[in-house]
Amino acid sequence: MTWLDEPRRLSEILDAARLLERQVWYNRYWNRRVRIERGHTKLVTREEWEAAELRERNTTLIIDSIWQGALDAARRTEEDVGIENLGPWDDFEWGMINGKLSALRWVMGDDWDMLDT
């Protein structure tokens, strides 16, 4: 006797990957939000950002209009996915979410560990 699982449909894989991608993005958004609230990241105008040193741009600044877009996207994500599906997670759960996304993206042709959001 052999046991064969029916492969998932592409639509199921795409739906699961999209949910995981949104969960990963939302967690990154939340971490940035905390850094802004604690004063570790500063909201600046595009002009201020362009005048800043490259190291400062990459570590402590975000353009205010881009942050507004992130706030809007977070609100849509909360509505679409449901706040109860957006964490918070412990380190093990966070590792599982990232691992699942990496595996699904690999199945779809990306390199391993492709976790861009």
PDB file of N, CA and C in Angstrom:
ATOM      1  N   MET A   1       0.835  -1.168   0.000  1.00  0.00           N
ATOM      2  CA  MET A   1       0.000   0.000   0.000  1.00  0.00           C
ATOM      3  C   MET A   1       0.890   1.245   0.000  1.00  0.00           C
ATOM      4  N   THR A   2       0.564   2.211  -0.806  1.00  0.00           N
ATOM      5  CA  THR A   2       1.312   3.462  -0.838  1.00  0.00           C
ATOM      6  C   THR A   2       0.411   4.609  -0.446  1.00  0.00           C
ATOM      7  N   TRP A   3       1.019   5.605   0.090  1.00  0.00           N
ATOM      8  CA  TRP A   3       0.274   6.775   0.515  1.00  0.00           C
ATOM      9  C   TRP A   3       0.754   7.965  -0.315  1.00  0.00           C
ATOM     10  N   LEU A   4      -0.136   8.567  -1.034  1.00  0.00           N
ATOM     11  CA  LEU A   4       0.205   9.741  -1.830  1.00  0.00           C
ATOM     12  C   LEU A   4      -0.713  10.895  -1.453  1.00  0.00           C
ATOM     13  N   ASP A   5      -0.102  11.975  -1.059  1.00  0.00           N
ATOM     14  CA  ASP A   5      -0.888  13.182  -0.795  1.00  0.00           C
ATOM     15  C   ASP A   5      -1.156  13.883  -2.115  1.00  0.00           C
ATOM     16  N   GLU A   6      -2.333  14.416  -2.218  1.00  0.00           N
ATOM     17  CA  GLU A   6      -2.680  15.199  -3.405  1.00  0.00           C
ATOM     18  C   GLU A   6      -1.940  16.532  -3.329  1.00  0.00           C
ATOM     19  N   PRO A   7      -1.233  16.907  -4.374  1.00  0.00           N
ATOM     20  CA  PRO A   7      -0.540  18.203  -4.331  1.00  0.00           C
ATOM     21  C   PRO A   7      -1.533  19.356  -4.185  1.00  0.00           C
ATOM     22  N   ARG A   8      -1.076  20.398  -3.556  1.00  0.00           N
ATOM     23  CA  ARG A   8      -1.901  21.596  -3.412  1.00  0.00           C
ATOM     24  C   ARG A   8      -2.072  22.256  -4.777  1.00  0.00           C
ATOM     25  N   ARG A   9      -3.185  22.916  -4.946  1.00  0.00           N
ATOM     26  CA  ARG A   9      -3.384  23.690  -6.164  1.00  0.00           C
ATOM     27  C   ARG A   9      -2.546  24.956  -6.085  1.00  0.00           C
ATOM     28  N   LEU A  10      -2.167  25.469  -7.240  1.00  0.00           N
ATOM     29  CA  LEU A  10      -1.389  26.699  -7.281  1.00  0.00           C
ATOM     30  C   LEU A  10      -2.122  27.824  -6.570  1.00  0.00           C
ATOM     31  N   SER A  11      -3.428  27.890  -6.710  1.00  0.00           N
ATOM     32  CA  SER A  11      -4.190  28.960  -6.050  1.00  0.00           C
ATOM     33  C   SER A  11      -4.053  28.871  -4.530  1.00  0.00           C
ATOM     34  N   GLU A  12      -4.012  27.659  -3.973  1.00  0.00           N
ATOM     35  CA  GLU A  12      -3.823  27.496  -2.523  1.00  0.00           C
ATOM     36  C   GLU A  12      -2.436  27.966  -2.099  1.00  0.00           C
ATOM     37  N   ILE A  13      -1.438  27.606  -2.898  1.00  0.00           N
ATOM     38  CA  ILE A  13      -0.059  28.000  -2.594  1.00  0.00           C
ATOM     39  C   ILE A  13       0.065  29.519  -2.642  1.00  0.00           C
ATOM     40  N   LEU A  14      -0.500  30.130  -3.678  1.00  0.00           N
ATOM     41  CA  LEU A  14      -0.430  31.583  -3.812  1.00  0.00           C
ATOM     42  C   LEU A  14      -1.156  32.291  -2.673  1.00  0.00           C
ATOM     43  N   ASP A  15      -2.319  31.781  -2.287  1.00  0.00           N
ATOM     44  CA  ASP A  15      -3.065  32.378  -1.171  1.00  0.00           C
ATOM     45  C   ASP A  15      -2.289  32.278   0.138  1.00  0.00           C
ATOM     46  N   ALA A  16      -1.706  31.119   0.391  1.00  0.00           N
ATOM     47  CA  ALA A  16      -0.932  30.931   1.625  1.00  0.00           C
ATOM     48  C   ALA A  16       0.297  31.831   1.632  1.00  0.00           C
ATOM     49  N   ALA A  17       0.982  31.912   0.501  1.00  0.00           N
ATOM     50  CA  ALA A  17       2.169  32.762   0.418  1.00  0.00           C
ATOM     51  C   ALA A  17       1.808  34.227   0.614  1.00  0.00           C
ATOM     52  N   ARG A  18       0.694  34.645   0.055  1.00  0.00           N
ATOM     53  CA  ARG A  18       0.270  36.047   0.194  1.00  0.00           C
ATOM     54  C   ARG A  18      -0.051  36.372   1.660  1.00  0.00           C
ATOM     55  N   LEU A  19      -0.724  35.471   2.358  1.00  0.00           N
ATOM     56  CA  LEU A  19      -1.006  35.692   3.772  1.00  0.00           C
ATOM     57  C   LEU A  19       0.297  35.784   4.566  1.00  0.00           C
ATOM     58  N   LEU A  20       1.205  34.850   4.347  1.00  0.00           N
ATOM     59  CA  LEU A  20       2.475  34.861   5.070  1.00  0.00           C
ATOM     60  C   LEU A  20       3.272  36.123   4.767  1.00  0.00           C
ATOM     61  N   GLU A  21       3.260  36.548   3.512  1.00  0.00           N
ATOM     62  CA  GLU A  21       3.961  37.779   3.135  1.00  0.00           C
ATOM     63  C   GLU A  21       3.393  38.979   3.881  1.00  0.00           C
ATOM     64  N   ARG A  22       2.092  39.044   3.989  1.00  0.00           N
ATOM     65  CA  ARG A  22       1.458  40.156   4.703  1.00  0.00           C
ATOM     66  C   ARG A  22       1.765  40.101   6.197  1.00  0.00           C
ATOM     67  N   GLN A  23       1.824  38.886   6.754  1.00  0.00           N
ATOM     68  CA  GLN A  23       2.168  38.757   8.165  1.00  0.00           C
ATOM     69  C   GLN A  23       3.608  39.208   8.422  1.00  0.00           C
ATOM     70  N   VAL A  24       4.524  38.810   7.552  1.00  0.00           N
ATOM     71  CA  VAL A  24       5.924  39.225   7.697  1.00  0.00           C
ATOM     72  C   VAL A  24       6.030  40.748   7.536  1.00  0.00           C
ATOM     73  N   TRP A  25       5.375  41.290   6.520  1.00  0.00           N
ATOM     74  CA  TRP A  25       5.414  42.738   6.305  1.00  0.00           C
ATOM     75  C   TRP A  25       4.867  43.468   7.524  1.00  0.00           C
ATOM     76  N   TYR A  26       3.745  43.010   8.049  1.00  0.00           N
ATOM     77  CA  TYR A  26       3.108  43.686   9.173  1.00  0.00           C
ATOM     78  C   TYR A  26       4.027  43.674  10.391  1.00  0.00           C
ATOM     79  N   ASN A  27       4.709  42.584  10.633  1.00  0.00           N
ATOM     80  CA  ASN A  27       5.627  42.512  11.759  1.00  0.00           C
ATOM     81  C   ASN A  27       6.767  43.516  11.587  1.00  0.00           C
ATOM     82  N   ARG A  28       7.272  43.639  10.361  1.00  0.00           N
ATOM     83  CA  ARG A  28       8.341  44.610  10.094  1.00  0.00           C
ATOM     84  C   ARG A  28       7.812  46.037  10.276  1.00  0.00           C
ATOM     85  N   TYR A  29       6.597  46.275   9.790  1.00  0.00           N
ATOM     86  CA  TYR A  29       5.969  47.578   9.978  1.00  0.00           C
ATOM     87  C   TYR A  29       5.860  47.890  11.477  1.00  0.00           C
ATOM     88  N   TRP A  30       5.390  46.930  12.263  1.00  0.00           N
ATOM     89  CA  TRP A  30       5.195  47.153  13.695  1.00  0.00           C
ATOM     90  C   TRP A  30       6.519  47.461  14.398  1.00  0.00           C
ATOM     91  N   ASN A  31       7.572  46.755  14.006  1.00  0.00           N
ATOM     92  CA  ASN A  31       8.885  47.027  14.598  1.00  0.00           C
ATOM     93  C   ASN A  31       9.344  48.444  14.269  1.00  0.00           C
ATOM     94  N   ARG A  32       9.114  48.879  13.035  1.00  0.00           N
ATOM     95  CA  ARG A  32       9.480  50.250  12.672  1.00  0.00           C
ATOM     96  C   ARG A  32       8.628  51.236  13.461  1.00  0.00           C
ATOM     97  N   ARG A  33       7.346  50.951  13.632  1.00  0.00           N
ATOM     98  CA  ARG A  33       6.449  51.820  14.393  1.00  0.00           C
ATOM     99  C   ARG A  33       6.963  52.012  15.818  1.00  0.00           C
ATOM    100  N   VAL A  34       7.389  50.924  16.426  1.00  0.00           N
ATOM    101  CA  VAL A  34       7.940  50.998  17.788  1.00  0.00           C
ATOM    102  C   VAL A  34       9.196  51.869  17.799  1.00  0.00           C
ATOM    103  N   ARG A  35      10.069  51.716  16.796  1.00  0.00           N
ATOM    104  CA  ARG A  35      11.290  52.536  16.735  1.00  0.00           C
ATOM    105  C   ARG A  35      10.949  54.023  16.575  1.00  0.00           C
ATOM    106  N   ILE A  36       9.914  54.330  15.806  1.00  0.00           N
ATOM    107  CA  ILE A  36       9.488  55.726  15.649  1.00  0.00           C
ATOM    108  C   ILE A  36       8.941  56.248  16.977  1.00  0.00           C
ATOM    109  N   GLU A  37       8.068  55.478  17.624  1.00  0.00           N
ATOM    110  CA  GLU A  37       7.476  55.912  18.895  1.00  0.00           C
ATOM    111  C   GLU A  37       8.524  56.119  19.978  1.00  0.00           C
ATOM    112  N   ARG A  38       9.593  55.332  19.964  1.00  0.00           N
ATOM    113  CA  ARG A  38      10.654  55.449  20.976  1.00  0.00           C
ATOM    114  C   ARG A  38      11.716  56.475  20.593  1.00  0.00           C
ATOM    115  N   GLY A  39      11.578  57.066  19.409  1.00  0.00           N
ATOM    116  CA  GLY A  39      12.534  58.087  18.990  1.00  0.00           C
ATOM    117  C   GLY A  39      13.798  57.553  18.359  1.00  0.00           C
ATOM    118  N   HIS A  40      13.868  56.269  18.070  1.00  0.00           N
ATOM    119  CA  HIS A  40      15.053  55.680  17.441  1.00  0.00           C
ATOM    120  C   HIS A  40      15.052  55.901  15.927  1.00  0.00           C
ATOM    121  N   THR A  41      13.884  56.100  15.358  1.00  0.00           N
ATOM    122  CA  THR A  41      13.729  56.423  13.939  1.00  0.00           C
ATOM    123  C   THR A  41      12.955  57.721  13.848  1.00  0.00           C
ATOM    124  N   LYS A  42      13.396  58.602  12.973  1.00  0.00           N
ATOM    125  CA  LYS A  42      12.800  59.930  12.857  1.00  0.00           C
ATOM    126  C   LYS A  42      12.098  60.076  11.513  1.00  0.00           C
ATOM    127  N   LEU A  43      10.889  60.659  11.547  1.00  0.00           N
ATOM    128  CA  LEU A  43      10.176  60.999  10.322  1.00  0.00           C
ATOM    129  C   LEU A  43      10.726  62.316   9.797  1.00  0.00           C
ATOM    130  N   VAL A  44      11.057  62.329   8.501  1.00  0.00           N
ATOM    131  CA  VAL A  44      11.635  63.523   7.892  1.00  0.00           C
ATOM    132  C   VAL A  44      10.995  63.758   6.524  1.00  0.00           C
ATOM    133  N   THR A  45      11.188  64.954   6.004  1.00  0.00           N
ATOM    134  CA  THR A  45      10.729  65.243   4.642  1.00  0.00           C
ATOM    135  C   THR A  45      11.685  64.576   3.654  1.00  0.00           C
ATOM    136  N   ARG A  46      11.253  64.467   2.415  1.00  0.00           N
ATOM    137  CA  ARG A  46      12.122  63.901   1.376  1.00  0.00           C
ATOM    138  C   ARG A  46      13.410  64.725   1.259  1.00  0.00           C
ATOM    139  N   GLU A  47      13.291  66.033   1.369  1.00  0.00           N
ATOM    140  CA  GLU A  47      14.463  66.901   1.260  1.00  0.00           C
ATOM    141  C   GLU A  47      15.463  66.625   2.389  1.00  0.00           C
ATOM    142  N   GLU A  48      14.942  66.459   3.609  1.00  0.00           N
ATOM    143  CA  GLU A  48      15.827  66.142   4.740  1.00  0.00           C
ATOM    144  C   GLU A  48      16.495  64.790   4.544  1.00  0.00           C
ATOM    145  N   TRP A  49      15.735  63.827   4.028  1.00  0.00           N
ATOM    146  CA  TRP A  49      16.274  62.486   3.802  1.00  0.00           C
ATOM    147  C   TRP A  49      17.382  62.525   2.758  1.00  0.00           C
ATOM    148  N   GLU A  50      17.142  63.250   1.672  1.00  0.00           N
ATOM    149  CA  GLU A  50      18.148  63.338   0.605  1.00  0.00           C
ATOM    150  C   GLU A  50      19.411  64.056   1.072  1.00  0.00           C
ATOM    151  N   ALA A  51      19.290  64.996   2.013  1.00  0.00           N
ATOM    152  CA  ALA A  51      20.442  65.726   2.528  1.00  0.00           C
ATOM    153  C   ALA A  51      21.221  64.928   3.573  1.00  0.00           C
ATOM    154  N   ALA A  52      20.623  63.887   4.110  1.00  0.00           N
ATOM    155  CA  ALA A  52      21.260  63.102   5.178  1.00  0.00           C
ATOM    156  C   ALA A  52      22.343  62.182   4.616  1.00  0.00           C
ATOM    157  N   GLU A  53      23.243  61.764   5.491  1.00  0.00           N
ATOM    158  CA  GLU A  53      24.279  60.801   5.119  1.00  0.00           C
ATOM    159  C   GLU A  53      23.642  59.441   4.857  1.00  0.00           C
ATOM    160  N   LEU A  54      24.265  58.665   3.991  1.00  0.00           N
ATOM    161  CA  LEU A  54      23.728  57.365   3.602  1.00  0.00           C
ATOM    162  C   LEU A  54      23.493  56.470   4.817  1.00  0.00           C
ATOM    163  N   ARG A  55      24.438  56.430   5.744  1.00  0.00           N
ATOM    164  CA  ARG A  55      24.290  55.581   6.937  1.00  0.00           C
ATOM    165  C   ARG A  55      23.062  55.989   7.741  1.00  0.00           C
ATOM    166  N   GLU A  56      22.848  57.279   7.864  1.00  0.00           N
ATOM    167  CA  GLU A  56      21.698  57.777   8.620  1.00  0.00           C
ATOM    168  C   GLU A  56      20.390  57.432   7.900  1.00  0.00           C
ATOM    169  N   ARG A  57      20.385  57.545   6.575  1.00  0.00           N
ATOM    170  CA  ARG A  57      19.190  57.186   5.802  1.00  0.00           C
ATOM    171  C   ARG A  57      18.786  55.736   6.050  1.00  0.00           C
ATOM    172  N   ASN A  58      19.764  54.859   6.064  1.00  0.00           N
ATOM    173  CA  ASN A  58      19.495  53.424   6.171  1.00  0.00           C
ATOM    174  C   ASN A  58      19.163  52.960   7.579  1.00  0.00           C
ATOM    175  N   THR A  59      19.473  53.765   8.583  1.00  0.00           N
ATOM    176  CA  THR A  59      19.310  53.267   9.949  1.00  0.00           C
ATOM    177  C   THR A  59      18.333  54.044  10.817  1.00  0.00           C
ATOM    178  N   THR A  60      18.197  55.354  10.601  1.00  0.00           N
ATOM    179  CA  THR A  60      17.416  56.126  11.571  1.00  0.00           C
ATOM    180  C   THR A  60      16.371  57.059  10.976  1.00  0.00           C
ATOM    181  N   LEU A  61      16.227  57.100   9.666  1.00  0.00           N
ATOM    182  CA  LEU A  61      15.285  58.036   9.053  1.00  0.00           C
ATOM    183  C   LEU A  61      14.280  57.322   8.169  1.00  0.00           C
ATOM    184  N   ILE A  62      13.076  57.895   8.084  1.00  0.00           N
ATOM    185  CA  ILE A  62      12.086  57.444   7.113  1.00  0.00           C
ATOM    186  C   ILE A  62      11.329  58.686   6.634  1.00  0.00           C
ATOM    187  N   ILE A  63      11.052  58.728   5.358  1.00  0.00           N
ATOM    188  CA  ILE A  63      10.352  59.863   4.771  1.00  0.00           C
ATOM    189  C   ILE A  63       8.897  59.837   5.236  1.00  0.00           C
ATOM    190  N   ASP A  64       8.414  60.994   5.679  1.00  0.00           N
ATOM    191  CA  ASP A  64       7.074  61.069   6.261  1.00  0.00           C
ATOM    192  C   ASP A  64       5.977  60.579   5.313  1.00  0.00           C
ATOM    193  N   SER A  65       6.068  60.874   4.032  1.00  0.00           N
ATOM    194  CA  SER A  65       5.035  60.424   3.088  1.00  0.00           C
ATOM    195  C   SER A  65       5.082  58.909   2.881  1.00  0.00           C
ATOM    196  N   ILE A  66       6.262  58.335   2.941  1.00  0.00           N
ATOM    197  CA  ILE A  66       6.384  56.877   2.846  1.00  0.00           C
ATOM    198  C   ILE A  66       5.791  56.234   4.093  1.00  0.00           C
ATOM    199  N   TRP A  67       6.047  56.826   5.253  1.00  0.00           N
ATOM    200  CA  TRP A  67       5.474  56.296   6.489  1.00  0.00           C
ATOM    201  C   TRP A  67       3.954  56.373   6.456  1.00  0.00           C
ATOM    202  N   GLN A  68       3.407  57.452   5.897  1.00  0.00           N
ATOM    203  CA  GLN A  68       1.956  57.552   5.781  1.00  0.00           C
ATOM    204  C   GLN A  68       1.412  56.421   4.917  1.00  0.00           C
ATOM    205  N   GLY A  69       2.110  56.081   3.842  1.00  0.00           N
ATOM    206  CA  GLY A  69       1.709  54.942   3.013  1.00  0.00           C
ATOM    207  C   GLY A  69       1.750  53.642   3.788  1.00  0.00           C
ATOM    208  N   ALA A  70       2.745  53.491   4.662  1.00  0.00           N
ATOM    209  CA  ALA A  70       2.836  52.289   5.493  1.00  0.00           C
ATOM    210  C   ALA A  70       1.685  52.224   6.483  1.00  0.00           C
ATOM    211  N   LEU A  71       1.313  53.356   7.063  1.00  0.00           N
ATOM    212  CA  LEU A  71       0.170  53.381   7.983  1.00  0.00           C
ATOM    213  C   LEU A  71      -1.111  52.968   7.266  1.00  0.00           C
ATOM    214  N   ASP A  72      -1.292  53.464   6.054  1.00  0.00           N
ATOM    215  CA  ASP A  72      -2.474  53.099   5.263  1.00  0.00           C
ATOM    216  C   ASP A  72      -2.468  51.610   4.925  1.00  0.00           C
ATOM    217  N   ALA A  73      -1.300  51.098   4.540  1.00  0.00           N
ATOM    218  CA  ALA A  73      -1.185  49.674   4.206  1.00  0.00           C
ATOM    219  C   ALA A  73      -1.421  48.803   5.432  1.00  0.00           C
ATOM    220  N   ALA A  74      -0.959  49.246   6.588  1.00  0.00           N
ATOM    221  CA  ALA A  74      -1.181  48.490   7.830  1.00  0.00           C
ATOM    222  C   ALA A  74      -2.662  48.415   8.148  1.00  0.00           C
ATOM    223  N   ARG A  75      -3.364  49.536   7.979  1.00  0.00           N
ATOM    224  CA  ARG A  75      -4.807  49.561   8.229  1.00  0.00           C
ATOM    225  C   ARG A  75      -5.528  48.582   7.287  1.00  0.00           C
ATOM    226  N   ARG A  76      -5.161  48.604   6.005  1.00  0.00           N
ATOM    227  CA  ARG A  76      -5.773  47.669   5.045  1.00  0.00           C
ATOM    228  C   ARG A  76      -5.454  46.226   5.405  1.00  0.00           C
ATOM    229  N   THR A  77      -4.225  45.981   5.832  1.00  0.00           N
ATOM    230  CA  THR A  77      -3.828  44.624   6.216  1.00  0.00           C
ATOM    231  C   THR A  77      -4.637  44.149   7.412  1.00  0.00           C
ATOM    232  N   GLU A  78      -4.804  45.005   8.411  1.00  0.00           N
ATOM    233  CA  GLU A  78      -5.605  44.654   9.589  1.00  0.00           C
ATOM    234  C   GLU A  78      -7.042  44.316   9.187  1.00  0.00           C
ATOM    235  N   GLU A  79      -7.595  45.091   8.276  1.00  0.00           N
ATOM    236  CA  GLU A  79      -8.971  44.847   7.824  1.00  0.00           C
ATOM    237  C   GLU A  79      -9.075  43.562   6.999  1.00  0.00           C
ATOM    238  N   ASP A  80      -8.130  43.346   6.094  1.00  0.00           N
ATOM    239  CA  ASP A  80      -8.183  42.201   5.180  1.00  0.00           C
ATOM    240  C   ASP A  80      -7.840  40.878   5.859  1.00  0.00           C
ATOM    241  N   VAL A  81      -6.799  40.900   6.670  1.00  0.00           N
ATOM    242  CA  VAL A  81      -6.274  39.667   7.269  1.00  0.00           C
ATOM    243  C   VAL A  81      -6.910  39.402   8.628  1.00  0.00           C
ATOM    244  N   GLY A  82      -7.244  40.471   9.336  1.00  0.00           N
ATOM    245  CA  GLY A  82      -7.755  40.338  10.695  1.00  0.00           C
ATOM    246  C   GLY A  82      -6.621  40.508  11.685  1.00  0.00           C
ATOM    247  N   ILE A  83      -6.794  41.406  12.607  1.00  0.00           N
ATOM    248  CA  ILE A  83      -5.750  41.705  13.589  1.00  0.00           C
ATOM    249  C   ILE A  83      -5.329  40.458  14.364  1.00  0.00           C
ATOM    250  N   GLU A  84      -6.273  39.533  14.547  1.00  0.00           N
ATOM    251  CA  GLU A  84      -5.956  38.298  15.291  1.00  0.00           C
ATOM    252  C   GLU A  84      -4.993  37.391  14.524  1.00  0.00           C
ATOM    253  N   ASN A  85      -4.786  37.641  13.242  1.00  0.00           N
ATOM    254  CA  ASN A  85      -3.868  36.840  12.420  1.00  0.00           C
ATOM    255  C   ASN A  85      -2.551  37.553  12.155  1.00  0.00           C
ATOM    256  N   LEU A  86      -2.256  38.580  12.957  1.00  0.00           N
ATOM    257  CA  LEU A  86      -1.059  39.378  12.706  1.00  0.00           C
ATOM    258  C   LEU A  86      -0.091  39.403  13.884  1.00  0.00           C
ATOM    259  N   GLY A  87      -0.190  38.414  14.772  1.00  0.00           N
ATOM    260  CA  GLY A  87       0.747  38.341  15.871  1.00  0.00           C
ATOM    261  C   GLY A  87       0.160  38.972  17.122  1.00  0.00           C
ATOM    262  N   PRO A  88       0.979  39.184  18.133  1.00  0.00           N
ATOM    263  CA  PRO A  88       2.432  38.977  18.118  1.00  0.00           C
ATOM    264  C   PRO A  88       2.794  37.499  18.254  1.00  0.00           C
ATOM    265  N   TRP A  89       3.985  37.164  17.799  1.00  0.00           N
ATOM    266  CA  TRP A  89       4.458  35.792  17.846  1.00  0.00           C
ATOM    267  C   TRP A  89       5.735  35.698  18.648  1.00  0.00           C
ATOM    268  N   ASP A  90       5.954  34.521  19.227  1.00  0.00           N
ATOM    269  CA  ASP A  90       7.231  34.306  19.902  1.00  0.00           C
ATOM    270  C   ASP A  90       8.273  33.933  18.840  1.00  0.00           C
ATOM    271  N   ASP A  91       9.513  33.749  19.256  1.00  0.00           N
ATOM    272  CA  ASP A  91      10.585  33.485  18.300  1.00  0.00           C
ATOM    273  C   ASP A  91      10.349  32.212  17.488  1.00  0.00           C
ATOM    274  N   PHE A  92       9.812  31.173  18.116  1.00  0.00           N
ATOM    275  CA  PHE A  92       9.548  29.928  17.397  1.00  0.00           C
ATOM    276  C   PHE A  92       8.503  30.148  16.309  1.00  0.00           C
ATOM    277  N   GLU A  93       7.385  30.788  16.681  1.00  0.00           N
ATOM    278  CA  GLU A  93       6.324  31.036  15.710  1.00  0.00           C
ATOM    279  C   GLU A  93       6.812  31.937  14.574  1.00  0.00           C
ATOM    280  N   TRP A  94       7.600  32.951  14.901  1.00  0.00           N
ATOM    281  CA  TRP A  94       8.156  33.843  13.895  1.00  0.00           C
ATOM    282  C   TRP A  94       9.049  33.052  12.928  1.00  0.00           C
ATOM    283  N   GLY A  95       9.834  32.146  13.469  1.00  0.00           N
ATOM    284  CA  GLY A  95      10.667  31.297  12.619  1.00  0.00           C
ATOM    285  C   GLY A  95       9.838  30.411  11.699  1.00  0.00           C
ATOM    286  N   MET A  96       8.743  29.875  12.211  1.00  0.00           N
ATOM    287  CA  MET A  96       7.858  29.043  11.388  1.00  0.00           C
ATOM    288  C   MET A  96       7.238  29.854  10.252  1.00  0.00           C
ATOM    289  N   ILE A  97       6.779  31.043  10.539  1.00  0.00           N
ATOM    290  CA  ILE A  97       6.152  31.884   9.514  1.00  0.00           C
ATOM    291  C   ILE A  97       7.167  32.203   8.413  1.00  0.00           C
ATOM    292  N   ASN A  98       8.368  32.608   8.795  1.00  0.00           N
ATOM    293  CA  ASN A  98       9.392  32.905   7.804  1.00  0.00           C
ATOM    294  C   ASN A  98       9.799  31.657   7.030  1.00  0.00           C
ATOM    295  N   GLY A  99       9.898  30.526   7.717  1.00  0.00           N
ATOM    296  CA  GLY A  99      10.253  29.278   7.043  1.00  0.00           C
ATOM    297  C   GLY A  99       9.199  28.842   6.041  1.00  0.00           C
ATOM    298  N   LYS A 100       7.939  28.975   6.411  1.00  0.00           N
ATOM    299  CA  LYS A 100       6.848  28.629   5.486  1.00  0.00           C
ATOM    300  C   LYS A 100       6.883  29.513   4.252  1.00  0.00           C
ATOM    301  N   LEU A 101       7.067  30.822   4.461  1.00  0.00           N
ATOM    302  CA  LEU A 101       7.112  31.732   3.321  1.00  0.00           C
ATOM    303  C   LEU A 101       8.294  31.400   2.417  1.00  0.00           C
ATOM    304  N   SER A 102       9.440  31.137   3.000  1.00  0.00           N
ATOM    305  CA  SER A 102      10.616  30.781   2.214  1.00  0.00           C
ATOM    306  C   SER A 102      10.374  29.510   1.400  1.00  0.00           C
ATOM    307  N   ALA A 103       9.768  28.506   2.020  1.00  0.00           N
ATOM    308  CA  ALA A 103       9.505  27.243   1.331  1.00  0.00           C
ATOM    309  C   ALA A 103       8.508  27.421   0.185  1.00  0.00           C
ATOM    310  N   LEU A 104       7.433  28.160   0.430  1.00  0.00           N
ATOM    311  CA  LEU A 104       6.447  28.372  -0.633  1.00  0.00           C
ATOM    312  C   LEU A 104       7.050  29.171  -1.781  1.00  0.00           C
ATOM    313  N   ARG A 105       7.847  30.154  -1.467  1.00  0.00           N
ATOM    314  CA  ARG A 105       8.484  30.921  -2.540  1.00  0.00           C
ATOM    315  C   ARG A 105       9.467  30.052  -3.319  1.00  0.00           C
ATOM    316  N   TRP A 106      10.161  29.151  -2.635  1.00  0.00           N
ATOM    317  CA  TRP A 106      11.083  28.236  -3.321  1.00  0.00           C
ATOM    318  C   TRP A 106      10.314  27.358  -4.304  1.00  0.00           C
ATOM    319  N   VAL A 107       9.169  26.835  -3.865  1.00  0.00           N
ATOM    320  CA  VAL A 107       8.330  26.008  -4.731  1.00  0.00           C
ATOM    321  C   VAL A 107       7.912  26.788  -5.974  1.00  0.00           C
ATOM    322  N   MET A 108       7.722  28.106  -5.805  1.00  0.00           N
ATOM    323  CA  MET A 108       7.270  28.941  -6.919  1.00  0.00           C
ATOM    324  C   MET A 108       8.433  29.485  -7.747  1.00  0.00           C
ATOM    325  N   GLY A 109       9.666  29.093  -7.415  1.00  0.00           N
ATOM    326  CA  GLY A 109      10.793  29.454  -8.264  1.00  0.00           C
ATOM    327  C   GLY A 109      11.799  30.425  -7.690  1.00  0.00           C
ATOM    328  N   ASP A 110      11.539  30.994  -6.520  1.00  0.00           N
ATOM    329  CA  ASP A 110      12.513  31.897  -5.897  1.00  0.00           C
ATOM    330  C   ASP A 110      13.647  31.102  -5.278  1.00  0.00           C
ATOM    331  N   ASP A 111      14.710  31.806  -4.925  1.00  0.00           N
ATOM    332  CA  ASP A 111      15.804  31.194  -4.179  1.00  0.00           C
ATOM    333  C   ASP A 111      15.351  30.958  -2.745  1.00  0.00           C
ATOM    334  N   TRP A 112      16.021  30.028  -2.065  1.00  0.00           N
ATOM    335  CA  TRP A 112      15.758  29.817  -0.642  1.00  0.00           C
ATOM    336  C   TRP A 112      15.991  31.134   0.097  1.00  0.00           C
ATOM    337  N   ASP A 113      15.282  31.302   1.161  1.00  0.00           N
ATOM    338  CA  ASP A 113      15.437  32.451   2.054  1.00  0.00           C
ATOM    339  C   ASP A 113      15.051  33.782   1.421  1.00  0.00           C
ATOM    340  N   MET A 114      14.236  33.750   0.365  1.00  0.00           N
ATOM    341  CA  MET A 114      13.752  34.985  -0.246  1.00  0.00           C
ATOM    342  C   MET A 114      12.576  35.485   0.605  1.00  0.00           C
ATOM    343  N   LEU A 115      12.854  36.492   1.423  1.00  0.00           N
ATOM    344  CA  LEU A 115      11.829  36.978   2.351  1.00  0.00           C
ATOM    345  C   LEU A 115      11.543  38.461   2.167  1.00  0.00           C
ATOM    346  N   ASP A 116      11.825  38.996   0.984  1.00  0.00           N
ATOM    347  CA  ASP A 116      11.486  40.393   0.718  1.00  0.00           C
ATOM    348  C   ASP A 116       9.973  40.568   0.791  1.00  0.00           C
ATOM    349  N   THR A 117       9.547  41.713   1.301  1.00  0.00           N
ATOM    350  CA  THR A 117       8.104  41.996   1.345  1.00  0.00           C
ATOM    351  C   THR A 117       7.814  43.313   0.673  1.00  0.00           C
TER     352      THR A 117
END
